[in-house]
Amino acid sequence: MELIIFYFDWAGTVEELDTFVTGWKGAAKKTEGVTFKSYWVPHTKKWHHAVIYEAESYAKVRESWRSIGAPRDYSKMTHGAIDLFVKPRRME
């Protein structure tokens, strides 16, 4: 399993953000091997928001995002960054 944190900035409304995050949650539920863990506002990073997944792989998370079907609106989610964490085999 991998832990994926997607940091992003948001320039849309709060309602649009809620819809966006709800879409990610729903897509994760429909994608085997992906669990949407939570949504956070990081205080020690330059990003406005973060969503956290636990998944078989980052590719599975990307698969869940593609299942949403709506293209990304770059005027609202201007940019983002991903942190990917894996457990060392000796810790499993």
N, C-alpha and C. Protein backbone atom coordinates (compact mmCIF):
# COMPACT_ATOMS: atom_id res chain seq x y z
N MET A 1 0.84 -1.19 0.00
CA MET A 1 0.00 0.00 0.00
C MET A 1 0.88 1.24 0.00
N GLU A 2 0.31 2.29 -0.56
CA GLU A 2 1.00 3.57 -0.62
C GLU A 2 0.10 4.64 -0.01
N LEU A 3 0.72 5.65 0.54
CA LEU A 3 0.01 6.82 1.03
C LEU A 3 0.31 7.95 0.06
N ILE A 4 -0.74 8.54 -0.47
CA ILE A 4 -0.59 9.61 -1.46
C ILE A 4 -1.22 10.87 -0.91
N ILE A 5 -0.45 11.95 -0.86
CA ILE A 5 -0.98 13.25 -0.45
C ILE A 5 -0.91 14.17 -1.66
N PHE A 6 -2.06 14.69 -2.02
CA PHE A 6 -2.15 15.62 -3.14
C PHE A 6 -2.43 17.00 -2.58
N TYR A 7 -1.43 17.89 -2.68
CA TYR A 7 -1.56 19.28 -2.24
C TYR A 7 -2.02 20.12 -3.43
N PHE A 8 -2.90 21.08 -3.19
CA PHE A 8 -3.34 21.92 -4.30
C PHE A 8 -3.81 23.27 -3.80
N ASP A 9 -3.78 24.24 -4.69
CA ASP A 9 -4.34 25.56 -4.43
C ASP A 9 -5.69 25.64 -5.11
N TRP A 10 -6.59 26.40 -4.54
CA TRP A 10 -7.95 26.49 -5.04
C TRP A 10 -8.33 27.96 -5.19
N ALA A 11 -8.87 28.33 -6.34
CA ALA A 11 -9.27 29.71 -6.61
C ALA A 11 -10.77 29.83 -6.86
N GLY A 12 -11.50 28.72 -6.71
CA GLY A 12 -12.96 28.75 -6.89
C GLY A 12 -13.67 29.06 -5.59
N THR A 13 -14.98 28.89 -5.59
CA THR A 13 -15.78 29.13 -4.38
C THR A 13 -15.67 27.95 -3.43
N VAL A 14 -16.12 28.14 -2.20
CA VAL A 14 -16.14 27.07 -1.21
C VAL A 14 -17.10 25.97 -1.67
N GLU A 15 -18.22 26.35 -2.23
CA GLU A 15 -19.19 25.37 -2.72
C GLU A 15 -18.59 24.52 -3.84
N GLU A 16 -17.85 25.16 -4.75
CA GLU A 16 -17.19 24.42 -5.83
C GLU A 16 -16.13 23.47 -5.28
N LEU A 17 -15.41 23.91 -4.27
CA LEU A 17 -14.41 23.05 -3.63
C LEU A 17 -15.09 21.83 -3.00
N ASP A 18 -16.20 22.05 -2.30
CA ASP A 18 -16.93 20.94 -1.69
C ASP A 18 -17.36 19.92 -2.75
N THR A 19 -17.86 20.42 -3.87
CA THR A 19 -18.28 19.54 -4.97
C THR A 19 -17.09 18.76 -5.51
N PHE A 20 -15.97 19.43 -5.66
CA PHE A 20 -14.75 18.81 -6.18
C PHE A 20 -14.29 17.69 -5.26
N VAL A 21 -14.19 17.98 -3.96
CA VAL A 21 -13.70 16.98 -2.99
C VAL A 21 -14.69 15.83 -2.91
N THR A 22 -15.99 16.12 -2.95
CA THR A 22 -17.00 15.07 -2.93
C THR A 22 -16.86 14.16 -4.14
N GLY A 23 -16.54 14.73 -5.29
CA GLY A 23 -16.30 13.94 -6.49
C GLY A 23 -15.12 13.01 -6.33
N TRP A 24 -14.05 13.49 -5.70
CA TRP A 24 -12.88 12.64 -5.45
C TRP A 24 -13.23 11.49 -4.51
N LYS A 25 -14.01 11.79 -3.47
CA LYS A 25 -14.42 10.74 -2.53
C LYS A 25 -15.21 9.66 -3.25
N GLY A 26 -16.18 10.09 -4.04
CA GLY A 26 -17.03 9.14 -4.77
C GLY A 26 -16.24 8.30 -5.75
N ALA A 27 -15.30 8.93 -6.45
CA ALA A 27 -14.48 8.21 -7.43
C ALA A 27 -13.61 7.17 -6.73
N ALA A 28 -13.09 7.50 -5.55
CA ALA A 28 -12.27 6.55 -4.80
C ALA A 28 -13.11 5.35 -4.36
N LYS A 29 -14.35 5.58 -3.93
CA LYS A 29 -15.22 4.49 -3.51
C LYS A 29 -15.49 3.51 -4.65
N LYS A 30 -15.54 4.03 -5.87
CA LYS A 30 -15.84 3.19 -7.03
C LYS A 30 -14.60 2.51 -7.61
N THR A 31 -13.42 2.86 -7.13
CA THR A 31 -12.18 2.31 -7.68
C THR A 31 -11.58 1.33 -6.69
N GLU A 32 -11.52 0.07 -7.09
CA GLU A 32 -10.94 -0.95 -6.23
C GLU A 32 -9.47 -0.64 -5.97
N GLY A 33 -9.07 -0.75 -4.71
CA GLY A 33 -7.68 -0.51 -4.35
C GLY A 33 -7.37 0.93 -3.98
N VAL A 34 -8.42 1.78 -3.87
CA VAL A 34 -8.22 3.19 -3.51
C VAL A 34 -9.15 3.55 -2.35
N THR A 35 -8.59 4.15 -1.32
CA THR A 35 -9.37 4.65 -0.19
C THR A 35 -9.09 6.13 -0.01
N PHE A 36 -10.12 6.95 -0.08
CA PHE A 36 -9.99 8.38 0.22
C PHE A 36 -9.96 8.49 1.73
N LYS A 37 -8.83 8.92 2.29
CA LYS A 37 -8.69 8.96 3.75
C LYS A 37 -9.26 10.24 4.34
N SER A 38 -8.89 11.40 3.75
CA SER A 38 -9.37 12.65 4.35
C SER A 38 -8.95 13.86 3.53
N TYR A 39 -9.55 14.96 3.89
CA TYR A 39 -9.27 16.28 3.29
C TYR A 39 -8.73 17.17 4.41
N TRP A 40 -7.64 17.89 4.16
CA TRP A 40 -6.99 18.71 5.17
C TRP A 40 -6.61 20.07 4.62
N VAL A 41 -6.39 20.99 5.53
CA VAL A 41 -5.82 22.30 5.20
C VAL A 41 -4.47 22.35 5.91
N PRO A 42 -3.36 22.20 5.15
CA PRO A 42 -2.04 22.15 5.78
C PRO A 42 -1.56 23.54 6.20
N HIS A 43 -1.07 23.64 7.43
CA HIS A 43 -0.57 24.92 7.93
C HIS A 43 0.94 25.07 7.78
N THR A 44 1.61 23.99 7.45
CA THR A 44 3.07 24.06 7.34
C THR A 44 3.57 23.87 5.92
N LYS A 45 2.65 23.93 4.96
CA LYS A 45 3.01 23.83 3.55
C LYS A 45 2.52 25.07 2.82
N LYS A 46 3.06 25.31 1.64
CA LYS A 46 2.64 26.48 0.88
C LYS A 46 1.27 26.30 0.23
N TRP A 47 0.77 25.08 0.21
CA TRP A 47 -0.50 24.77 -0.46
C TRP A 47 -1.70 25.12 0.41
N HIS A 48 -2.82 25.43 -0.22
CA HIS A 48 -4.05 25.75 0.50
C HIS A 48 -4.75 24.51 1.05
N HIS A 49 -4.70 23.41 0.30
CA HIS A 49 -5.50 22.23 0.63
C HIS A 49 -4.70 20.96 0.38
N ALA A 50 -5.19 19.85 0.97
CA ALA A 50 -4.57 18.55 0.72
C ALA A 50 -5.63 17.46 0.86
N VAL A 51 -5.54 16.47 -0.01
CA VAL A 51 -6.35 15.26 0.13
C VAL A 51 -5.40 14.08 0.28
N ILE A 52 -5.81 13.12 1.08
CA ILE A 52 -4.95 11.99 1.40
C ILE A 52 -5.65 10.70 1.00
N TYR A 53 -4.90 9.87 0.30
CA TYR A 53 -5.39 8.57 -0.15
C TYR A 53 -4.49 7.47 0.38
N GLU A 54 -5.07 6.29 0.58
CA GLU A 54 -4.30 5.07 0.74
C GLU A 54 -4.69 4.21 -0.45
N ALA A 55 -3.70 3.69 -1.17
CA ALA A 55 -4.01 2.97 -2.40
C ALA A 55 -2.96 1.92 -2.70
N GLU A 56 -3.34 0.99 -3.57
CA GLU A 56 -2.40 -0.01 -4.05
C GLU A 56 -1.23 0.66 -4.77
N SER A 57 -1.55 1.77 -5.47
CA SER A 57 -0.52 2.48 -6.23
C SER A 57 -1.04 3.86 -6.60
N TYR A 58 -0.11 4.74 -6.97
CA TYR A 58 -0.50 6.06 -7.46
C TYR A 58 -1.30 5.92 -8.75
N ALA A 59 -0.97 4.93 -9.55
CA ALA A 59 -1.71 4.69 -10.80
C ALA A 59 -3.19 4.44 -10.51
N LYS A 60 -3.50 3.75 -9.43
CA LYS A 60 -4.90 3.50 -9.06
C LYS A 60 -5.61 4.81 -8.69
N VAL A 61 -4.92 5.70 -8.01
CA VAL A 61 -5.52 7.00 -7.67
C VAL A 61 -5.80 7.78 -8.95
N ARG A 62 -4.86 7.77 -9.87
CA ARG A 62 -5.08 8.45 -11.16
C ARG A 62 -6.26 7.83 -11.91
N GLU A 63 -6.40 6.53 -11.82
CA GLU A 63 -7.54 5.85 -12.43
C GLU A 63 -8.85 6.37 -11.83
N SER A 64 -8.87 6.55 -10.51
CA SER A 64 -10.08 7.06 -9.86
C SER A 64 -10.38 8.49 -10.32
N TRP A 65 -9.35 9.31 -10.48
CA TRP A 65 -9.56 10.68 -10.95
C TRP A 65 -10.15 10.69 -12.36
N ARG A 66 -9.64 9.81 -13.22
CA ARG A 66 -10.16 9.76 -14.60
C ARG A 66 -11.62 9.35 -14.63
N SER A 67 -12.07 8.58 -13.64
CA SER A 67 -13.45 8.12 -13.63
C SER A 67 -14.45 9.24 -13.34
N ILE A 68 -13.97 10.38 -12.85
CA ILE A 68 -14.86 11.51 -12.56
C ILE A 68 -15.49 12.01 -13.86
N GLY A 69 -14.72 12.00 -14.94
CA GLY A 69 -15.26 12.34 -16.24
C GLY A 69 -15.24 13.81 -16.60
N ALA A 70 -15.06 14.69 -15.63
CA ALA A 70 -15.02 16.12 -15.91
C ALA A 70 -13.57 16.57 -16.02
N PRO A 71 -13.25 17.38 -17.01
CA PRO A 71 -11.87 17.86 -17.10
C PRO A 71 -11.55 18.83 -15.96
N ARG A 72 -10.30 18.90 -15.60
CA ARG A 72 -9.86 19.83 -14.55
C ARG A 72 -10.05 21.26 -15.03
N ASP A 73 -10.58 22.10 -14.17
CA ASP A 73 -10.75 23.52 -14.46
C ASP A 73 -9.53 24.26 -13.90
N TYR A 74 -8.60 24.60 -14.77
CA TYR A 74 -7.35 25.23 -14.34
C TYR A 74 -7.55 26.62 -13.75
N SER A 75 -8.69 27.24 -14.00
CA SER A 75 -8.95 28.56 -13.40
C SER A 75 -9.32 28.42 -11.92
N LYS A 76 -9.71 27.20 -11.49
CA LYS A 76 -10.07 26.97 -10.09
C LYS A 76 -8.96 26.22 -9.33
N MET A 77 -8.50 25.11 -9.90
CA MET A 77 -7.39 24.38 -9.29
C MET A 77 -6.15 24.70 -10.12
N THR A 78 -5.44 25.72 -9.69
CA THR A 78 -4.37 26.28 -10.50
C THR A 78 -3.14 25.38 -10.60
N HIS A 79 -2.77 24.71 -9.52
CA HIS A 79 -1.62 23.83 -9.54
C HIS A 79 -1.61 22.97 -8.27
N GLY A 80 -0.77 21.95 -8.30
CA GLY A 80 -0.69 21.07 -7.16
C GLY A 80 0.61 20.29 -7.16
N ALA A 81 0.80 19.50 -6.12
CA ALA A 81 1.99 18.67 -5.98
C ALA A 81 1.61 17.41 -5.23
N ILE A 82 2.34 16.35 -5.46
CA ILE A 82 2.03 15.06 -4.85
C ILE A 82 3.21 14.56 -4.04
N ASP A 83 2.92 14.08 -2.83
CA ASP A 83 3.89 13.34 -2.03
C ASP A 83 3.43 11.89 -2.04
N LEU A 84 4.35 10.99 -2.28
CA LEU A 84 4.05 9.56 -2.35
C LEU A 84 4.91 8.84 -1.31
N PHE A 85 4.25 8.12 -0.42
CA PHE A 85 4.95 7.40 0.64
C PHE A 85 4.71 5.90 0.48
N VAL A 86 5.77 5.13 0.62
CA VAL A 86 5.67 3.67 0.59
C VAL A 86 6.33 3.13 1.84
N LYS A 87 5.79 2.03 2.36
CA LYS A 87 6.41 1.38 3.51
C LYS A 87 7.60 0.55 3.05
N PRO A 88 8.69 0.63 3.79
CA PRO A 88 9.80 -0.26 3.46
C PRO A 88 9.34 -1.71 3.65
N ARG A 89 9.81 -2.60 2.82
CA ARG A 89 9.37 -4.01 2.90
C ARG A 89 9.61 -4.60 4.28
N ARG A 90 10.66 -4.18 4.95
CA ARG A 90 10.95 -4.76 6.26
C ARG A 90 9.93 -4.35 7.31
N MET A 91 9.09 -3.34 7.01
CA MET A 91 8.11 -2.86 7.98
C MET A 91 6.72 -3.45 7.74
N GLU A 92 6.53 -4.24 6.70
CA GLU A 92 5.22 -4.80 6.39
C GLU A 92 4.93 -6.01 7.22
